């Protein structure tokens, strides 16, 4: 092949792939941050005193009056040192956050990648308080200050969005991932009260069903953590009153398994039965495995020995037991509990809706959520135990 022919051949190839390259670039939707300028009037501040923020991508066509709000996740802080440290990161201050966020999965604006919600108004609510948007307190020792104002952040963002069209919503979905998934349990019914009486309002928690479970050393590690968060950040006042009145230990209502039965808004629970965050921090936290016997198993489920698999299957059983009442009694609720080692599956395109997405009973997560929200089908999918599901994407940090 001479030089001239070779150049022509390369040009033909580039022209052939140009539409694909443009399309691939278009799929990467980057959405600009909006600071809530009047948040200070509501006493709403991130841990470090900076203004809270969200990212809004406008809906269009038939979805112009529909709204999807997604709480960002990112763990918690449970004492002054950890909150001071957090305040100097993107988890505690909008000063350190990226000014543009990529919207994918349930937030995508591509009909082929997100067929049910692509043309809705989609909002990502940034997380900067460390208590799942539920605290209302302040720390000040004369040298350092911390604002535990998650509840007020949530309220200020809603008030900012109402005049932008949320007040006239026809359909709405409140969602969230991880600590944001927990926030969905805490704020679901409250969200409904802001919207028109004739609006169709539902909630979806992704990887937010954190269990009140003993770890492998039989300690209540997660219960202790949540107790510290609730006390430090003034969360109890914002927990469901019916729940706190019914329990001897009111702060347990920070756990979804206790709060769930009091939620009246239609709810969908998306969770892995082997959620890797819960596996690594609730079931086998570092404090319960000082010699690292579980390290190989944590990194690769195929490396787990028979005893470790039994422990993991026990954790799955406890999760299903905690969901039994919801599974049997909720007529408007939905579930997708798969057997993948993952944490958060709605924001990633690969796990939300793709050719090789995880499936349960031949249904993707996006299809299950769409059937539940739009098509009136009772969707309560529970996967068989590990390692039966070959479609899983095991997403292990």
Protein backbone atom coordinates (compact mmCIF):
# COMPACT_ATOMS: atom_id res chain seq x y z
CA UNK A 1 0.00 0.00 0.00
CA UNK A 2 1.56 3.33 -1.06
CA UNK A 3 1.54 6.46 1.11
CA UNK A 4 -1.38 8.15 -0.67
CA UNK A 5 -3.62 5.08 -0.44
CA UNK A 6 -2.65 4.62 3.19
CA UNK A 7 -3.67 8.21 4.02
CA UNK A 8 -7.02 7.78 2.27
CA UNK A 9 -7.61 4.52 4.15
CA UNK A 10 -6.93 6.22 7.52
CA UNK A 11 -9.25 9.11 6.63
CA UNK A 12 -12.04 6.67 5.73
CA UNK A 13 -11.59 4.92 9.06
CA UNK A 14 -11.70 8.21 10.99
CA UNK A 15 -14.84 9.33 9.15
CA UNK A 16 -16.46 5.96 9.77
CA UNK A 17 -15.84 6.12 13.50
CA UNK A 18 -16.50 9.86 13.92
CA UNK A 19 -20.25 9.50 14.67
CA UNK A 20 -19.47 6.81 17.25
CA UNK A 21 -16.84 9.01 18.91
CA UNK A 22 -19.21 11.97 19.03
CA UNK A 23 -21.96 9.76 20.45
CA UNK A 24 -19.61 8.36 23.09
CA UNK A 25 -18.63 11.89 24.11
CA UNK A 26 -22.29 12.96 24.28
CA UNK A 27 -23.08 10.12 26.66
CA UNK A 28 -20.77 11.73 29.23
CA UNK A 29 -23.24 14.27 30.57
CA UNK A 30 -21.55 16.80 32.85
CA UNK A 31 -23.87 18.98 34.94
CA UNK A 32 -22.86 22.23 36.64
CA UNK A 33 -23.16 22.80 40.39
CA UNK A 34 -25.73 25.24 41.77
CA UNK A 35 -24.99 26.80 45.16
CA UNK A 36 -28.06 27.53 47.30
CA UNK A 37 -27.43 31.24 47.75
CA UNK A 38 -30.19 31.84 50.31
CA UNK A 39 -29.32 28.75 52.39
CA UNK A 40 -27.78 30.85 55.15
CA UNK A 41 -31.20 32.41 55.80
CA UNK A 42 -32.43 28.91 56.68
CA UNK A 43 -29.36 28.12 58.79
CA UNK A 44 -28.29 25.54 56.20
CA UNK A 45 -24.52 25.05 56.02
CA UNK A 46 -22.09 22.28 55.21
CA UNK A 47 -19.84 21.09 58.05
CA UNK A 48 -17.32 23.88 57.40
CA UNK A 49 -19.93 26.62 56.99
CA UNK A 50 -19.93 26.66 53.19
CA UNK A 51 -23.18 26.84 51.23
CA UNK A 52 -24.89 23.57 50.22
CA UNK A 53 -25.31 22.66 46.57
CA UNK A 54 -26.99 20.50 43.96
CA UNK A 55 -26.72 19.75 40.25
CA UNK A 56 -29.86 20.13 38.10
CA UNK A 57 -30.31 18.90 34.55
CA UNK A 58 -33.61 20.05 33.11
CA UNK A 59 -36.23 17.67 31.80
CA UNK A 60 -37.91 18.02 28.44
CA UNK A 61 -40.87 16.82 26.40
CA UNK A 62 -43.20 14.49 28.27
CA UNK A 63 -40.85 14.54 31.28
CA UNK A 64 -40.72 18.34 31.72
CA UNK A 65 -42.94 18.24 34.82
CA UNK A 66 -41.43 15.10 36.35
CA UNK A 67 -38.64 15.22 38.95
CA UNK A 68 -36.00 12.79 40.17
CA UNK A 69 -33.94 13.85 43.19
CA UNK A 70 -30.87 11.77 44.09
CA UNK A 71 -29.13 12.09 47.47
CA UNK A 72 -25.37 11.72 47.15
CA UNK A 73 -23.76 9.19 49.49
CA UNK A 74 -20.42 9.13 51.29
CA UNK A 75 -20.46 7.65 54.79
CA UNK A 76 -20.77 9.56 58.07
CA UNK A 77 -18.75 11.26 60.79
CA UNK A 78 -19.46 10.32 64.40
CA UNK A 79 -17.15 12.48 66.55
CA UNK A 80 -15.50 15.90 66.50
CA UNK A 81 -12.10 14.74 65.13
CA UNK A 82 -13.66 12.77 62.23
CA UNK A 83 -16.05 15.63 61.42
CA UNK A 84 -13.26 18.22 61.51
CA UNK A 85 -11.29 16.05 59.11
CA UNK A 86 -14.33 15.58 56.89
CA UNK A 87 -14.95 19.34 56.83
CA UNK A 88 -11.69 19.74 54.92
CA UNK A 89 -12.80 17.41 52.11
CA UNK A 90 -15.55 17.26 49.47
CA UNK A 91 -17.63 15.27 51.97
CA UNK A 92 -17.92 18.25 54.28
CA UNK A 93 -17.52 21.32 52.12
CA UNK A 94 -18.68 22.53 48.73
CA UNK A 95 -15.36 24.38 48.46
CA UNK A 96 -13.64 21.07 47.70
CA UNK A 97 -16.32 19.59 45.45
CA UNK A 98 -16.08 19.20 41.70
CA UNK A 99 -18.10 21.95 40.03
CA UNK A 100 -19.41 19.52 37.41
CA UNK A 101 -20.81 16.04 38.06
CA UNK A 102 -21.24 13.25 35.53
CA UNK A 103 -24.85 12.07 35.30
CA UNK A 104 -25.14 8.39 34.35
CA UNK A 105 -27.38 5.43 35.10
CA UNK A 106 -30.66 6.63 36.56
CA UNK A 107 -29.47 10.24 36.01
CA UNK A 108 -28.63 9.79 32.32
CA UNK A 109 -30.39 11.87 29.65
CA UNK A 110 -29.99 9.14 27.04
CA UNK A 111 -33.21 7.26 26.26
CA UNK A 112 -31.35 4.09 25.29
CA UNK A 113 -29.44 4.08 28.59
CA UNK A 114 -32.21 5.29 30.92
CA UNK A 115 -35.53 4.66 29.15
CA UNK A 116 -37.89 5.67 31.96
CA UNK A 117 -36.28 8.77 33.49
CA UNK A 118 -34.05 10.23 30.74
CA UNK A 119 -36.29 13.24 30.06
CA UNK A 120 -37.15 14.08 33.68
CA UNK A 121 -35.71 16.96 35.67
CA UNK A 122 -32.85 15.16 37.42
CA UNK A 123 -31.14 16.54 40.55
CA UNK A 124 -28.08 15.32 42.40
CA UNK A 125 -28.08 16.66 45.97
CA UNK A 126 -24.50 17.03 47.22
CA UNK A 127 -23.67 15.52 50.60
CA UNK A 128 -21.71 17.66 53.04
CA UNK A 129 -23.11 17.10 56.55
CA UNK A 130 -22.06 13.57 57.56
CA UNK A 131 -25.41 12.41 58.98
CA UNK A 132 -27.52 11.48 55.94
CA UNK A 133 -29.12 14.95 55.76
CA UNK A 134 -30.73 14.47 59.17
CA UNK A 135 -28.84 16.50 61.80
CA UNK A 136 -29.54 19.88 63.37
CA UNK A 137 -26.86 21.04 65.80
CA UNK A 138 -23.65 23.05 65.97
CA UNK A 139 -20.25 22.61 67.60
CA UNK A 140 -18.12 25.59 68.58
CA UNK A 141 -15.26 25.45 71.09
CA UNK A 142 -13.97 28.94 70.37
CA UNK A 143 -11.31 27.63 68.03
CA UNK A 144 -13.20 25.37 65.64
CA UNK A 145 -16.79 25.32 64.42
CA UNK A 146 -18.83 22.56 62.82
CA UNK A 147 -22.34 22.89 61.41
CA UNK A 148 -24.41 19.72 61.74
CA UNK A 149 -27.24 21.00 59.57
CA UNK A 150 -28.18 18.13 57.27
CA UNK A 151 -31.92 18.54 57.88
CA UNK A 152 -31.76 22.23 57.04
CA UNK A 153 -29.63 21.52 53.94
CA UNK A 154 -32.35 19.17 52.69
CA UNK A 155 -35.07 21.74 53.40
CA UNK A 156 -33.13 24.63 51.81
CA UNK A 157 -32.53 22.66 48.60
CA UNK A 158 -36.19 21.68 48.35
CA UNK A 159 -37.24 25.31 48.88
CA UNK A 160 -34.79 26.36 46.15
CA UNK A 161 -36.20 23.80 43.71
CA UNK A 162 -39.92 24.42 44.32
CA UNK A 163 -40.08 27.69 42.31
CA UNK A 164 -37.96 26.07 39.58
CA UNK A 165 -40.81 23.67 38.80
CA UNK A 166 -40.80 21.10 41.60
CA UNK A 167 -43.90 22.72 43.10
CA UNK A 168 -45.84 21.70 39.98
CA UNK A 169 -44.48 18.18 39.65
CA UNK A 170 -46.75 15.53 38.17
CA UNK A 171 -44.45 12.64 38.98
CA UNK A 172 -41.52 12.55 41.41
CA UNK A 173 -39.00 10.04 42.66
CA UNK A 174 -36.76 10.62 45.67
CA UNK A 175 -33.69 8.43 45.49
CA UNK A 176 -30.22 8.08 46.96
CA UNK A 177 -27.17 5.86 47.17
CA UNK A 178 -25.46 4.54 50.33
CA UNK A 179 -25.69 7.21 53.06
CA UNK A 180 -27.94 8.97 50.53
CA UNK A 181 -30.00 5.78 50.30
CA UNK A 182 -30.43 5.98 54.07
CA UNK A 183 -31.50 9.62 53.67
CA UNK A 184 -34.25 8.41 51.34
CA UNK A 185 -35.75 6.32 54.15
CA UNK A 186 -35.50 9.29 56.54
CA UNK A 187 -37.08 11.89 54.22
CA UNK A 188 -39.47 9.96 51.98
CA UNK A 189 -42.76 10.92 53.60
CA UNK A 190 -41.51 14.46 54.22
CA UNK A 191 -40.79 14.84 50.48
CA UNK A 192 -44.40 13.95 49.65
CA UNK A 193 -45.69 16.84 51.78
CA UNK A 194 -43.90 19.42 49.61
CA UNK A 195 -45.56 18.27 46.38
CA UNK A 196 -49.06 18.62 44.91
CA UNK A 197 -51.68 16.25 46.32
CA UNK A 198 -52.32 14.76 42.88
CA UNK A 199 -48.63 14.11 42.11
CA UNK A 200 -47.38 10.53 41.87
CA UNK A 201 -44.59 10.46 44.47
CA UNK A 202 -42.40 7.45 45.23
CA UNK A 203 -39.01 6.71 46.79
CA UNK A 204 -36.06 4.48 45.90
CA UNK A 205 -33.17 3.57 48.19
CA UNK A 206 -30.02 2.16 46.57
CA UNK A 207 -27.62 0.38 48.97
CA UNK A 208 -29.16 2.22 51.93
CA UNK A 209 -30.67 -0.70 53.84
CA UNK A 210 -27.99 -0.81 56.54
CA UNK A 211 -28.58 -3.61 59.02
CA UNK A 212 -28.52 -3.49 62.80
CA UNK A 213 -26.27 -6.56 62.80
CA UNK A 214 -23.67 -7.96 65.16
CA UNK A 215 -20.21 -8.28 63.64
CA UNK A 216 -18.18 -11.51 63.63
CA UNK A 217 -16.91 -10.72 67.15
CA UNK A 218 -20.56 -10.33 68.28
CA UNK A 219 -20.26 -6.58 68.86
CA UNK A 220 -22.86 -4.07 67.70
CA UNK A 221 -20.30 -2.00 65.79
CA UNK A 222 -22.83 -0.30 63.49
CA UNK A 223 -25.32 0.35 66.30
CA UNK A 224 -22.59 2.10 68.30
CA UNK A 225 -21.61 4.21 65.27
CA UNK A 226 -25.18 5.27 64.59
CA UNK A 227 -25.77 6.12 68.26
CA UNK A 228 -22.76 8.44 68.19
CA UNK A 229 -23.92 10.10 64.96
CA UNK A 230 -27.44 10.64 66.28
CA UNK A 231 -26.21 12.14 69.57
CA UNK A 232 -23.46 14.31 68.07
CA UNK A 233 -25.46 15.78 65.21
CA UNK A 234 -28.86 16.19 66.89
CA UNK A 235 -30.56 13.67 64.62
CA UNK A 236 -33.16 12.19 66.98
CA UNK A 237 -35.47 15.22 66.74
CA UNK A 238 -35.75 14.58 62.98
CA UNK A 239 -36.43 10.85 63.10
CA UNK A 240 -39.94 9.50 62.53
CA UNK A 241 -41.92 10.23 65.70
CA UNK A 242 -44.03 7.08 65.45
CA UNK A 243 -40.86 5.04 65.22
CA UNK A 244 -39.04 6.72 68.12
CA UNK A 245 -42.11 6.38 70.35
CA UNK A 246 -42.32 2.66 69.63
CA UNK A 247 -38.71 1.76 70.45
CA UNK A 248 -36.97 1.63 73.81
CA UNK A 249 -33.82 2.92 72.06
CA UNK A 250 -35.07 5.81 69.86
CA UNK A 251 -31.84 6.20 67.88
CA UNK A 252 -32.44 2.78 66.35
CA UNK A 253 -34.90 4.55 64.04
CA UNK A 254 -31.82 5.74 62.12
CA UNK A 255 -31.70 2.13 60.88
CA UNK A 256 -33.96 1.59 57.84
CA UNK A 257 -35.22 -1.78 59.11
CA UNK A 258 -36.95 -0.01 62.02
CA UNK A 259 -38.04 3.13 60.13
CA UNK A 260 -39.42 1.29 57.09
CA UNK A 261 -42.72 0.10 58.55
CA UNK A 262 -43.73 3.70 59.30
CA UNK A 263 -43.19 4.99 55.74
CA UNK A 264 -46.49 5.42 53.91
CA UNK A 265 -45.15 6.60 50.52
CA UNK A 266 -44.58 3.81 47.93
CA UNK A 267 -40.99 2.60 48.37
CA UNK A 268 -38.51 0.55 46.36
CA UNK A 269 -35.49 -1.12 48.01
CA UNK A 270 -32.50 -1.85 45.79
CA UNK A 271 -29.73 -3.64 47.64
CA UNK A 272 -27.20 -6.40 47.34
CA UNK A 273 -27.65 -9.22 49.82
CA UNK A 274 -23.84 -9.12 50.09
CA UNK A 275 -23.44 -5.34 50.10
CA UNK A 276 -19.68 -4.80 50.16
CA UNK A 277 -19.81 -1.79 52.46
CA UNK A 278 -21.81 -3.74 55.02
CA UNK A 279 -19.61 -6.80 54.54
CA UNK A 280 -16.45 -4.75 55.15
CA UNK A 281 -17.71 -2.38 57.87
CA UNK A 282 -20.68 -3.99 59.63
CA UNK A 283 -20.16 -7.74 59.39
CA UNK A 284 -16.34 -7.80 59.35
CA UNK A 285 -15.06 -4.37 60.45
CA UNK A 286 -11.27 -4.10 60.93
CA UNK A 287 -11.78 -4.03 64.71
CA UNK A 288 -13.33 -7.52 64.56
CA UNK A 289 -10.55 -9.00 62.41
CA UNK A 290 -7.26 -7.56 63.74
CA UNK A 291 -5.18 -10.37 62.22
CA UNK A 292 -6.71 -10.01 58.77
CA UNK A 293 -8.09 -13.53 58.40
CA UNK A 294 -10.83 -12.14 56.18
CA UNK A 295 -8.65 -9.96 53.95
CA UNK A 296 -8.47 -12.34 50.98
CA UNK A 297 -12.18 -13.09 51.23
CA UNK A 298 -13.02 -9.37 51.29
CA UNK A 299 -11.05 -8.78 48.10
CA UNK A 300 -12.36 -11.83 46.25
CA UNK A 301 -15.45 -13.86 47.23
CA UNK A 302 -13.99 -16.87 45.38
CA UNK A 303 -11.17 -16.86 47.96
CA UNK A 304 -13.57 -17.25 50.92
CA UNK A 305 -13.38 -20.54 52.80
CA UNK A 306 -16.43 -22.63 53.69
CA UNK A 307 -16.85 -21.01 57.11
CA UNK A 308 -16.67 -17.52 55.65
CA UNK A 309 -19.25 -18.36 53.02
CA UNK A 310 -21.54 -19.66 55.78
CA UNK A 311 -21.16 -16.35 57.62
CA UNK A 312 -21.98 -14.42 54.45
CA UNK A 313 -25.04 -16.58 53.81
CA UNK A 314 -26.12 -15.87 57.37
CA UNK A 315 -25.84 -12.14 56.68
CA UNK A 316 -28.01 -12.56 53.58
CA UNK A 317 -30.59 -14.46 55.63
CA UNK A 318 -30.66 -11.69 58.23
CA UNK A 319 -31.23 -9.08 55.53
CA UNK A 320 -34.11 -11.05 54.05
CA UNK A 321 -35.56 -11.54 57.54
CA UNK A 322 -35.41 -7.78 58.14
CA UNK A 323 -37.29 -7.30 54.84
CA UNK A 324 -39.85 -10.07 55.41
CA UNK A 325 -42.58 -7.75 56.74
CA UNK A 326 -42.13 -5.36 53.79
CA UNK A 327 -42.07 -8.22 51.29
CA UNK A 328 -45.28 -9.74 52.65
CA UNK A 329 -47.28 -6.65 53.59
CA UNK A 330 -46.40 -3.81 51.23
CA UNK A 331 -48.81 -3.71 48.29
CA UNK A 332 -47.17 -0.66 46.70
CA UNK A 333 -43.55 -1.44 47.51
CA UNK A 334 -40.84 -2.92 45.30
CA UNK A 335 -37.58 -4.80 45.84
CA UNK A 336 -34.53 -5.87 43.91
CA UNK A 337 -32.18 -7.83 46.16
CA UNK A 338 -29.43 -9.40 44.09
CA UNK A 339 -26.49 -11.58 45.06
CA UNK A 340 -23.73 -9.38 43.68
CA UNK A 341 -20.84 -8.12 45.78
CA UNK A 342 -21.55 -4.45 45.09
CA UNK A 343 -22.52 -1.18 46.75
CA UNK A 344 -24.70 1.32 44.81
CA UNK A 345 -25.99 0.07 41.47
CA UNK A 346 -28.35 2.77 40.16
CA UNK A 347 -25.85 5.50 39.25
CA UNK A 348 -23.47 3.28 37.31
CA UNK A 349 -24.52 2.63 33.72
CA UNK A 350 -23.06 -0.86 33.74
CA UNK A 351 -25.27 -2.00 36.60
CA UNK A 352 -28.36 0.16 35.96
CA UNK A 353 -29.14 -0.64 32.32
CA UNK A 354 -26.73 -2.16 29.82
CA UNK A 355 -26.47 -5.26 27.67
CA UNK A 356 -24.65 -7.16 30.42
CA UNK A 357 -26.25 -5.56 33.48
CA UNK A 358 -26.98 -7.74 36.52
CA UNK A 359 -30.33 -9.46 36.26
CA UNK A 360 -32.70 -11.25 38.59
CA UNK A 361 -35.29 -13.45 36.89
CA UNK A 362 -34.03 -12.02 33.58
CA UNK A 363 -34.84 -8.46 34.63
CA UNK A 364 -32.37 -5.57 34.95
CA UNK A 365 -32.51 -3.08 37.82
CA UNK A 366 -33.83 -0.34 35.52
CA UNK A 367 -36.57 -2.65 34.21
CA UNK A 368 -37.60 -3.67 37.72
CA UNK A 369 -37.78 -0.04 38.90
CA UNK A 370 -39.67 0.99 35.75
CA UNK A 371 -42.19 -1.83 36.13
CA UNK A 372 -42.79 -0.77 39.74
CA UNK A 373 -43.04 2.98 39.15
CA UNK A 374 -44.83 3.18 35.80
CA UNK A 375 -46.43 -0.11 34.93
CA UNK A 376 -48.19 -1.02 38.16
CA UNK A 377 -46.51 -4.40 38.46
CA UNK A 378 -45.66 -5.84 41.84
CA UNK A 379 -41.90 -6.11 41.51
CA UNK A 380 -40.20 -7.90 44.39
CA UNK A 381 -37.19 -9.68 42.98
CA UNK A 382 -34.98 -11.72 45.32
CA UNK A 383 -31.92 -13.43 43.89
CA UNK A 384 -30.74 -16.95 44.70
CA UNK A 385 -27.71 -17.19 47.05
CA UNK A 386 -24.12 -16.57 45.93
CA UNK A 387 -22.60 -17.81 43.63
CA UNK A 388 -25.63 -18.61 41.49
CA UNK A 389 -25.94 -15.35 39.49
CA UNK A 390 -23.54 -15.23 36.53
CA UNK A 391 -24.72 -11.76 35.49
CA UNK A 392 -23.28 -10.07 38.59
CA UNK A 393 -20.77 -7.24 38.44
CA UNK A 394 -18.78 -7.68 41.64
CA UNK A 395 -17.64 -4.15 42.47
CA UNK A 396 -15.18 -4.53 45.32
CA UNK A 397 -13.14 -1.51 46.47
